[in-house]
Amino acid sequence: MKKWKRVKPIRYPSFDEWKRIAAQYDGTAHLSAGARKSRASSPRVDHGRLADAVSRYIDWE
């Protein structure tokens, strides 16, 4: 317990450092190869167009 109290807390990154680190994050690294492949095209989809397609699908179903 005494040793734990003497340890300095970790330094949190500045907001700019955090943004840079977050931009480099690969959210698919833990996925299987098939799941990574299916998600590879998702950044290229316009968010508004995707929202419209999902809305139409939900209305249809």
Protein backbone atom coordinates (compact mmCIF):
# COMPACT_ATOMS: atom_id res chain seq x y z
CA MET A 1 0.00 0.00 0.00
CA LYS A 2 2.81 2.44 0.82
CA LYS A 3 4.48 1.79 -2.52
CA TRP A 4 1.23 2.41 -4.36
CA LYS A 5 0.83 5.81 -2.70
CA ARG A 6 4.30 6.88 -3.87
CA VAL A 7 3.74 6.07 -7.52
CA LYS A 8 3.05 9.13 -9.62
CA PRO A 9 -0.19 9.05 -11.61
CA ILE A 10 0.09 8.61 -15.36
CA ARG A 11 0.13 11.72 -17.48
CA TYR A 12 -2.93 12.17 -19.63
CA PRO A 13 -2.28 13.35 -23.19
CA SER A 14 -3.16 16.87 -24.21
CA PHE A 15 -6.25 17.24 -26.36
CA ASP A 16 -4.14 17.68 -29.50
CA GLU A 17 -2.13 14.53 -28.67
CA TRP A 18 -5.36 12.65 -28.02
CA LYS A 19 -6.84 13.76 -31.37
CA ARG A 20 -3.69 12.59 -33.19
CA ILE A 21 -3.74 9.23 -31.41
CA ALA A 22 -7.48 8.82 -32.02
CA ALA A 23 -7.04 9.55 -35.74
CA GLN A 24 -4.53 6.68 -35.98
CA TYR A 25 -6.75 4.19 -34.12
CA ASP A 26 -7.75 1.13 -36.11
CA GLY A 27 -11.12 0.05 -34.76
CA THR A 28 -11.08 -3.09 -36.89
CA ALA A 29 -7.80 -4.53 -35.59
CA HIS A 30 -9.59 -6.93 -33.24
CA LEU A 31 -12.03 -8.19 -35.90
CA SER A 32 -11.74 -11.28 -38.06
CA ALA A 33 -10.48 -10.91 -41.62
CA GLY A 34 -13.99 -11.24 -43.04
CA ALA A 35 -15.42 -8.60 -40.73
CA ARG A 36 -12.53 -6.23 -41.52
CA LYS A 37 -13.19 -6.67 -45.24
CA SER A 38 -16.90 -5.95 -44.87
CA ARG A 39 -16.21 -2.80 -42.84
CA ALA A 40 -13.48 -1.51 -45.15
CA SER A 41 -15.98 0.36 -47.32
CA SER A 42 -17.91 1.99 -44.48
CA PRO A 43 -15.76 5.16 -44.28
CA ARG A 44 -16.55 5.85 -47.95
CA VAL A 45 -20.32 5.93 -47.40
CA ASP A 46 -21.90 9.35 -47.00
CA HIS A 47 -23.57 9.44 -43.58
CA GLY A 48 -26.69 11.20 -44.82
CA ARG A 49 -27.16 8.71 -47.64
CA LEU A 50 -26.71 5.80 -45.24
CA ALA A 51 -29.23 7.28 -42.80
CA ASP A 52 -31.77 7.66 -45.62
CA ALA A 53 -31.25 4.07 -46.76
CA VAL A 54 -31.66 2.73 -43.22
CA SER A 55 -34.79 4.82 -42.71
CA ARG A 56 -36.32 3.53 -45.95
CA TYR A 57 -35.46 -0.05 -44.99
CA ILE A 58 -37.06 0.31 -41.57
CA ASP A 59 -40.19 1.85 -43.13
CA TRP A 60 -40.34 -1.00 -45.67
CA GLU A 61 -40.01 -3.67 -43.01
